[in-house]
Amino acid sequence: MTALHIFLAIGPWQIAIVVMVVLLLFGGKKIPELMRGLGSGIKEFKDASKEDDKLEENKE
C-alpha cells in the first residue's frame, strides 16, 4: 500500500480515536489555545510565502 492509500483509508472510527487521545493528553481547556497557535502559524506562513512571491516578481 502506498502512503496515499493509507491516507484514504482513514475512517470515522480512526478520527474519533485520535480526537479522544488529543482530549486525554491536552484536556478541553488547552485545545482552543493550541488551535489559536496553529491558526496564527498558518497565517504567518501564508504571509511569508506571499512576500517571497512579490520579491521574485520584482527581480524579473
Protein backbone atom coordinates (compact mmCIF):
# COMPACT_ATOMS: atom_id res chain seq x y z
CA MET A 1 0.00 0.00 0.00
CA THR A 2 1.25 3.45 -0.81
CA ALA A 3 1.01 6.43 1.50
CA LEU A 4 -1.96 7.76 -0.47
CA HIS A 5 -3.93 4.55 0.07
CA ILE A 6 -3.20 4.65 3.79
CA PHE A 7 -4.32 8.27 3.98
CA LEU A 8 -7.57 7.50 2.16
CA ALA A 9 -8.23 4.51 4.43
CA ILE A 10 -8.79 6.73 7.48
CA GLY A 11 -12.36 6.31 8.62
CA PRO A 12 -14.63 7.86 11.22
CA TRP A 13 -13.52 5.44 13.96
CA GLN A 14 -9.86 6.33 13.49
CA ILE A 15 -10.68 10.05 13.61
CA ALA A 16 -12.74 9.53 16.79
CA ILE A 17 -9.85 7.69 18.43
CA VAL A 18 -7.40 10.46 17.54
CA VAL A 19 -9.78 13.10 18.93
CA MET A 20 -10.17 11.15 22.18
CA VAL A 21 -6.40 10.78 22.57
CA VAL A 22 -5.89 14.52 21.99
CA LEU A 23 -8.58 15.32 24.57
CA LEU A 24 -6.96 12.99 27.09
CA LEU A 25 -3.47 14.39 26.51
CA PHE A 26 -4.23 18.11 26.44
CA GLY A 27 -7.60 18.50 28.13
CA GLY A 28 -10.56 20.53 26.93
CA LYS A 29 -9.24 23.89 28.07
CA LYS A 30 -5.94 23.69 26.18
CA ILE A 31 -7.37 22.78 22.77
CA PRO A 32 -8.66 26.29 21.83
CA GLU A 33 -5.28 27.72 22.78
CA LEU A 34 -3.49 25.13 20.61
CA MET A 35 -5.81 25.82 17.67
CA ARG A 36 -5.23 29.57 18.01
CA GLY A 37 -1.49 28.98 17.86
CA LEU A 38 -1.86 26.70 14.85
CA GLY A 39 -4.02 29.27 13.05
CA SER A 40 -1.58 32.10 13.65
CA GLY A 41 1.29 29.90 12.45
CA ILE A 42 -0.54 29.11 9.22
CA LYS A 43 -1.35 32.80 8.72
CA GLU A 44 2.31 33.78 9.19
CA PHE A 45 3.37 31.07 6.72
CA LYS A 46 0.93 32.35 4.09
CA ASP A 47 2.09 35.94 4.60
CA ALA A 48 5.73 34.93 4.26
CA SER A 49 5.06 32.98 1.06
CA LYS A 50 3.20 35.98 -0.42
CA GLU A 51 6.18 38.21 0.40
CA ASP A 52 8.53 35.76 -1.32
CA ASP A 53 6.33 35.78 -4.43
CA LYS A 54 6.39 39.60 -4.52
CA LEU A 55 10.18 39.65 -4.20
CA GLU A 56 10.54 37.19 -7.08
CA GLU A 57 8.23 39.30 -9.29
CA ASN A 58 10.29 42.42 -8.57
CA LYS A 59 13.53 40.65 -9.56
CA GLU A 60 12.17 39.79 -13.01
